[in-house]
Amino acid sequence: MNLPKNNYKLTEIFKNARTPKLSEFNGEYFVDMLTILPSLRKFSHRKIFYSENDKILGYNIIFTNKIWGHFFLEEGICEELNLLRVAVINYNRKENSFISNKIRDYVRCLEENTL
């Protein structure tokens, strides 16, 4: 999927997308960051999602097998966009540093069967 690099257009697409069910997250997904940070896609940046004890957990992989950034998934609200319902990738886990544990990614579903 080709997405615009324009933040206003990305925000409009995000607002019009649907809220994914947490159970939809399972397996490995390539990541293409669209924000201020440069995309790590050329370094094979991926997110791995798995279920454990009725929770969805995961971590990032870069290159072949360098693991970093453990997270859990939860339902949440994006306050910046009029309390829009989202799936939240929450990095507040003991495996992460005091800096990265404050990261939250908001996820919406743009196309059916595509996260």
N, C-alpha and C. Protein backbone atom coordinates (compact mmCIF):
# COMPACT_ATOMS: atom_id res chain seq x y z
N MET A 1 0.84 -1.17 0.00
CA MET A 1 0.00 0.00 0.00
C MET A 1 0.88 1.24 0.00
N ASN A 2 0.64 2.15 -0.89
CA ASN A 2 1.36 3.42 -0.92
C ASN A 2 0.61 4.44 -0.09
N LEU A 3 1.30 5.00 0.88
CA LEU A 3 0.71 6.02 1.75
C LEU A 3 1.41 7.35 1.53
N PRO A 4 0.69 8.45 1.70
CA PRO A 4 1.30 9.77 1.50
C PRO A 4 2.31 10.07 2.60
N LYS A 5 3.25 10.93 2.31
CA LYS A 5 4.25 11.37 3.29
C LYS A 5 3.77 12.64 4.01
N ASN A 6 2.60 13.11 3.66
CA ASN A 6 2.01 14.32 4.22
C ASN A 6 1.26 13.99 5.51
N ASN A 7 1.63 14.62 6.63
CA ASN A 7 1.01 14.32 7.92
C ASN A 7 -0.49 14.60 7.94
N TYR A 8 -0.93 15.66 7.29
CA TYR A 8 -2.37 15.97 7.27
C TYR A 8 -3.14 14.84 6.57
N LYS A 9 -2.64 14.39 5.42
CA LYS A 9 -3.31 13.32 4.68
C LYS A 9 -3.26 12.01 5.47
N LEU A 10 -2.15 11.72 6.12
CA LEU A 10 -2.05 10.52 6.94
C LEU A 10 -3.06 10.56 8.10
N THR A 11 -3.21 11.72 8.71
CA THR A 11 -4.16 11.87 9.82
C THR A 11 -5.58 11.60 9.33
N GLU A 12 -5.94 12.11 8.18
CA GLU A 12 -7.29 11.87 7.64
C GLU A 12 -7.51 10.39 7.34
N ILE A 13 -6.53 9.72 6.78
CA ILE A 13 -6.64 8.29 6.52
C ILE A 13 -6.81 7.54 7.83
N PHE A 14 -6.01 7.90 8.84
CA PHE A 14 -6.06 7.26 10.15
C PHE A 14 -7.44 7.43 10.79
N LYS A 15 -8.00 8.63 10.71
CA LYS A 15 -9.32 8.89 11.29
C LYS A 15 -10.41 8.05 10.65
N ASN A 16 -10.30 7.79 9.38
CA ASN A 16 -11.33 7.07 8.64
C ASN A 16 -11.15 5.55 8.66
N ALA A 17 -10.06 5.08 9.22
CA ALA A 17 -9.80 3.64 9.30
C ALA A 17 -10.61 3.04 10.44
N ARG A 18 -10.70 1.71 10.47
CA ARG A 18 -11.45 1.06 11.55
C ARG A 18 -10.50 0.64 12.67
N THR A 19 -11.06 0.44 13.85
CA THR A 19 -10.29 -0.03 14.99
C THR A 19 -10.13 -1.54 14.87
N PRO A 20 -8.90 -2.04 14.84
CA PRO A 20 -8.72 -3.50 14.74
C PRO A 20 -9.00 -4.19 16.07
N LYS A 21 -9.43 -5.43 16.00
CA LYS A 21 -9.57 -6.25 17.20
C LYS A 21 -8.17 -6.73 17.58
N LEU A 22 -7.91 -6.81 18.87
CA LEU A 22 -6.60 -7.25 19.32
C LEU A 22 -6.30 -8.66 18.82
N SER A 23 -7.31 -9.48 18.69
CA SER A 23 -7.12 -10.86 18.23
C SER A 23 -6.64 -10.94 16.79
N GLU A 24 -6.73 -9.85 16.03
CA GLU A 24 -6.25 -9.83 14.65
C GLU A 24 -4.73 -9.82 14.56
N PHE A 25 -4.07 -9.42 15.64
CA PHE A 25 -2.61 -9.31 15.65
C PHE A 25 -2.00 -10.66 15.99
N ASN A 26 -1.37 -11.26 15.00
CA ASN A 26 -0.75 -12.56 15.21
C ASN A 26 0.27 -12.78 14.10
N GLY A 27 1.49 -13.08 14.46
CA GLY A 27 2.51 -13.36 13.46
C GLY A 27 3.49 -12.22 13.27
N GLU A 28 4.06 -12.18 12.08
CA GLU A 28 5.14 -11.25 11.76
C GLU A 28 4.67 -10.23 10.72
N TYR A 29 4.98 -8.95 10.97
CA TYR A 29 4.59 -7.86 10.08
C TYR A 29 5.80 -6.98 9.79
N PHE A 30 6.00 -6.63 8.53
CA PHE A 30 7.01 -5.64 8.20
C PHE A 30 6.52 -4.28 8.64
N VAL A 31 7.43 -3.42 9.08
CA VAL A 31 7.10 -2.09 9.58
C VAL A 31 7.68 -1.05 8.63
N ASP A 32 6.88 -0.06 8.29
CA ASP A 32 7.35 1.07 7.51
C ASP A 32 6.94 2.33 8.26
N MET A 33 7.88 2.93 8.97
CA MET A 33 7.58 4.10 9.79
C MET A 33 7.32 5.31 8.90
N LEU A 34 6.24 6.03 9.21
CA LEU A 34 5.82 7.16 8.39
C LEU A 34 5.98 8.49 9.12
N THR A 35 6.57 8.47 10.30
CA THR A 35 6.69 9.68 11.10
C THR A 35 8.05 10.34 10.88
N ILE A 36 8.43 11.16 11.83
CA ILE A 36 9.67 11.93 11.74
C ILE A 36 10.89 11.03 11.59
N LEU A 37 10.89 9.91 12.31
CA LEU A 37 12.03 9.00 12.26
C LEU A 37 12.15 8.37 10.88
N PRO A 38 13.35 8.07 10.44
CA PRO A 38 13.49 7.40 9.14
C PRO A 38 12.99 5.97 9.22
N SER A 39 12.48 5.48 8.11
CA SER A 39 12.00 4.11 8.05
C SER A 39 13.17 3.15 8.20
N LEU A 40 12.95 2.08 8.92
CA LEU A 40 13.97 1.03 9.09
C LEU A 40 13.64 -0.16 8.21
N ARG A 41 12.74 0.01 7.27
CA ARG A 41 12.30 -1.09 6.41
C ARG A 41 13.47 -1.73 5.67
N LYS A 42 14.43 -0.91 5.23
CA LYS A 42 15.58 -1.45 4.50
C LYS A 42 16.46 -2.35 5.38
N PHE A 43 16.25 -2.29 6.71
CA PHE A 43 16.98 -3.14 7.64
C PHE A 43 16.11 -4.32 8.10
N SER A 44 15.05 -4.61 7.34
CA SER A 44 14.11 -5.70 7.66
C SER A 44 13.44 -5.53 9.02
N HIS A 45 13.01 -4.30 9.33
CA HIS A 45 12.31 -4.03 10.59
C HIS A 45 10.96 -4.73 10.56
N ARG A 46 10.73 -5.58 11.59
CA ARG A 46 9.48 -6.31 11.70
C ARG A 46 8.97 -6.29 13.13
N LYS A 47 7.68 -6.50 13.29
CA LYS A 47 7.07 -6.70 14.60
C LYS A 47 6.53 -8.12 14.65
N ILE A 48 6.78 -8.79 15.76
CA ILE A 48 6.28 -10.13 16.00
C ILE A 48 5.21 -10.04 17.09
N PHE A 49 4.02 -10.59 16.81
CA PHE A 49 2.93 -10.62 17.78
C PHE A 49 2.62 -12.08 18.11
N TYR A 50 2.36 -12.35 19.40
CA TYR A 50 1.99 -13.70 19.83
C TYR A 50 1.10 -13.61 21.07
N SER A 51 0.34 -14.65 21.30
CA SER A 51 -0.55 -14.72 22.47
C SER A 51 0.13 -15.50 23.59
N GLU A 52 -0.06 -14.99 24.81
CA GLU A 52 0.46 -15.68 25.99
C GLU A 52 -0.41 -15.29 27.18
N ASN A 53 -0.98 -16.28 27.85
CA ASN A 53 -1.84 -16.03 29.02
C ASN A 53 -2.95 -15.01 28.72
N ASP A 54 -3.63 -15.21 27.63
CA ASP A 54 -4.75 -14.35 27.20
C ASP A 54 -4.35 -12.90 26.94
N LYS A 55 -3.09 -12.65 26.65
CA LYS A 55 -2.61 -11.31 26.29
C LYS A 55 -1.88 -11.41 24.96
N ILE A 56 -1.88 -10.30 24.22
CA ILE A 56 -1.11 -10.22 22.98
C ILE A 56 0.18 -9.49 23.32
N LEU A 57 1.30 -10.16 23.11
CA LEU A 57 2.62 -9.61 23.39
C LEU A 57 3.42 -9.57 22.10
N GLY A 58 4.58 -8.91 22.15
CA GLY A 58 5.41 -8.90 20.97
C GLY A 58 6.73 -8.19 21.18
N TYR A 59 7.47 -8.11 20.06
CA TYR A 59 8.77 -7.44 20.07
C TYR A 59 9.13 -7.07 18.63
N ASN A 60 10.11 -6.21 18.50
CA ASN A 60 10.63 -5.80 17.20
C ASN A 60 11.84 -6.65 16.86
N ILE A 61 12.04 -6.85 15.57
CA ILE A 61 13.25 -7.50 15.06
C ILE A 61 13.81 -6.60 13.97
N ILE A 62 15.12 -6.48 13.96
CA ILE A 62 15.80 -5.75 12.90
C ILE A 62 16.92 -6.65 12.38
N PHE A 63 17.27 -6.50 11.12
CA PHE A 63 18.22 -7.39 10.45
C PHE A 63 17.67 -8.81 10.48
N THR A 64 18.50 -9.80 10.69
CA THR A 64 18.04 -11.18 10.66
C THR A 64 17.35 -11.58 11.96
N ASN A 65 17.94 -11.22 13.10
CA ASN A 65 17.37 -11.69 14.36
C ASN A 65 17.70 -10.83 15.57
N LYS A 66 17.98 -9.55 15.39
CA LYS A 66 18.26 -8.65 16.51
C LYS A 66 16.92 -8.21 17.12
N ILE A 67 16.65 -8.67 18.34
CA ILE A 67 15.39 -8.37 19.02
C ILE A 67 15.56 -7.11 19.87
N TRP A 68 14.57 -6.24 19.82
CA TRP A 68 14.56 -5.03 20.65
C TRP A 68 13.13 -4.54 20.79
N GLY A 69 12.84 -3.78 21.81
CA GLY A 69 11.53 -3.15 21.98
C GLY A 69 10.40 -4.13 22.21
N HIS A 70 10.34 -4.74 23.39
CA HIS A 70 9.23 -5.62 23.76
C HIS A 70 8.00 -4.78 24.06
N PHE A 71 6.82 -5.33 23.76
CA PHE A 71 5.58 -4.58 23.97
C PHE A 71 4.42 -5.51 24.27
N PHE A 72 3.30 -4.91 24.67
CA PHE A 72 2.04 -5.62 24.78
C PHE A 72 0.98 -4.80 24.07
N LEU A 73 -0.11 -5.44 23.71
CA LEU A 73 -1.18 -4.79 22.96
C LEU A 73 -2.37 -4.57 23.89
N GLU A 74 -3.00 -3.42 23.75
CA GLU A 74 -4.19 -3.12 24.55
C GLU A 74 -5.13 -2.22 23.76
N GLU A 75 -6.39 -2.22 24.16
CA GLU A 75 -7.34 -1.28 23.56
C GLU A 75 -7.09 0.08 24.18
N GLY A 76 -7.29 1.13 23.39
CA GLY A 76 -7.03 2.46 23.93
C GLY A 76 -7.74 3.55 23.15
N ILE A 77 -7.38 4.76 23.52
CA ILE A 77 -7.98 5.97 22.96
C ILE A 77 -6.86 6.90 22.51
N CYS A 78 -7.01 7.47 21.33
CA CYS A 78 -6.08 8.51 20.85
C CYS A 78 -6.71 9.86 21.19
N GLU A 79 -6.26 10.45 22.28
CA GLU A 79 -6.84 11.71 22.76
C GLU A 79 -6.61 12.85 21.78
N GLU A 80 -5.49 12.81 21.05
CA GLU A 80 -5.16 13.89 20.12
C GLU A 80 -6.15 13.99 18.96
N LEU A 81 -6.89 12.89 18.71
CA LEU A 81 -7.83 12.86 17.59
C LEU A 81 -9.25 12.61 18.09
N ASN A 82 -9.71 13.45 19.01
CA ASN A 82 -11.08 13.42 19.49
C ASN A 82 -11.49 12.07 20.08
N LEU A 83 -10.62 11.49 20.87
CA LEU A 83 -10.90 10.25 21.58
C LEU A 83 -11.20 9.08 20.65
N LEU A 84 -10.45 9.00 19.58
CA LEU A 84 -10.59 7.94 18.59
C LEU A 84 -10.15 6.61 19.19
N ARG A 85 -10.96 5.56 19.03
CA ARG A 85 -10.60 4.22 19.53
C ARG A 85 -9.49 3.63 18.68
N VAL A 86 -8.50 3.02 19.34
CA VAL A 86 -7.33 2.47 18.65
C VAL A 86 -6.87 1.20 19.36
N ALA A 87 -6.05 0.42 18.68
CA ALA A 87 -5.24 -0.61 19.33
C ALA A 87 -3.93 0.08 19.69
N VAL A 88 -3.44 -0.15 20.89
CA VAL A 88 -2.21 0.50 21.35
C VAL A 88 -1.11 -0.53 21.51
N ILE A 89 0.02 -0.27 20.87
CA ILE A 89 1.23 -1.05 21.11
C ILE A 89 1.97 -0.31 22.23
N ASN A 90 2.00 -0.92 23.40
CA ASN A 90 2.51 -0.28 24.61
C ASN A 90 3.86 -0.90 24.99
N TYR A 91 4.89 -0.09 25.03
CA TYR A 91 6.25 -0.55 25.31
C TYR A 91 6.62 -0.50 26.79
N ASN A 92 5.66 -0.31 27.66
CA ASN A 92 5.94 -0.23 29.09
C ASN A 92 6.14 -1.63 29.67
N ARG A 93 7.31 -2.20 29.37
CA ARG A 93 7.69 -3.53 29.85
C ARG A 93 9.09 -3.45 30.45
N LYS A 94 9.35 -4.30 31.43
CA LYS A 94 10.62 -4.27 32.16
C LYS A 94 11.83 -4.51 31.27
N GLU A 95 11.65 -5.18 30.13
CA GLU A 95 12.76 -5.47 29.22
C GLU A 95 13.29 -4.22 28.52
N ASN A 96 12.50 -3.16 28.52
CA ASN A 96 12.86 -1.93 27.81
C ASN A 96 13.51 -0.91 28.75
N SER A 97 14.18 0.05 28.14
CA SER A 97 14.83 1.12 28.91
C SER A 97 13.78 2.10 29.43
N PHE A 98 14.18 2.96 30.35
CA PHE A 98 13.27 3.96 30.90
C PHE A 98 12.82 4.95 29.83
N ILE A 99 13.54 5.04 28.74
CA ILE A 99 13.14 5.92 27.63
C ILE A 99 12.13 5.22 26.72
N SER A 100 12.48 4.03 26.27
CA SER A 100 11.60 3.35 25.31
C SER A 100 10.31 2.83 25.95
N ASN A 101 10.27 2.66 27.27
CA ASN A 101 9.04 2.16 27.87
C ASN A 101 7.92 3.19 27.87
N LYS A 102 8.20 4.40 27.43
CA LYS A 102 7.17 5.44 27.33
C LYS A 102 6.53 5.50 25.93
N ILE A 103 7.03 4.70 24.99
CA ILE A 103 6.53 4.72 23.61
C ILE A 103 5.18 4.04 23.54
N ARG A 104 4.26 4.66 22.79
CA ARG A 104 2.96 4.08 22.48
C ARG A 104 2.71 4.28 20.99
N ASP A 105 2.37 3.21 20.31
CA ASP A 105 2.00 3.28 18.89
C ASP A 105 0.49 3.06 18.80
N TYR A 106 -0.19 3.92 18.05
CA TYR A 106 -1.62 3.77 17.84
C TYR A 106 -1.85 3.12 16.49
N VAL A 107 -2.71 2.09 16.48
CA VAL A 107 -2.93 1.32 15.25
C VAL A 107 -4.41 1.34 14.87
N ARG A 108 -4.65 1.54 13.59
CA ARG A 108 -5.99 1.43 12.99
C ARG A 108 -5.83 0.58 11.73
N CYS A 109 -6.91 0.02 11.25
CA CYS A 109 -6.87 -0.87 10.11
C CYS A 109 -7.36 -0.13 8.85
N LEU A 110 -6.49 0.00 7.84
CA LEU A 110 -6.82 0.74 6.63
C LEU A 110 -7.58 -0.10 5.61
N GLU A 111 -7.21 -1.37 5.52
CA GLU A 111 -7.85 -2.28 4.56
C GLU A 111 -8.23 -3.56 5.27
N GLU A 112 -9.31 -4.17 4.84
CA GLU A 112 -9.73 -5.44 5.43
C GLU A 112 -8.63 -6.48 5.28
N ASN A 113 -8.37 -7.23 6.33
CA ASN A 113 -7.34 -8.28 6.36
C ASN A 113 -5.92 -7.76 6.20
N THR A 114 -5.71 -6.47 6.46
CA THR A 114 -4.37 -5.88 6.39
C THR A 114 -4.16 -4.99 7.59
N LEU A 115 -3.15 -5.28 8.38
CA LEU A 115 -2.84 -4.42 9.52
C LEU A 115 -1.64 -3.57 9.18
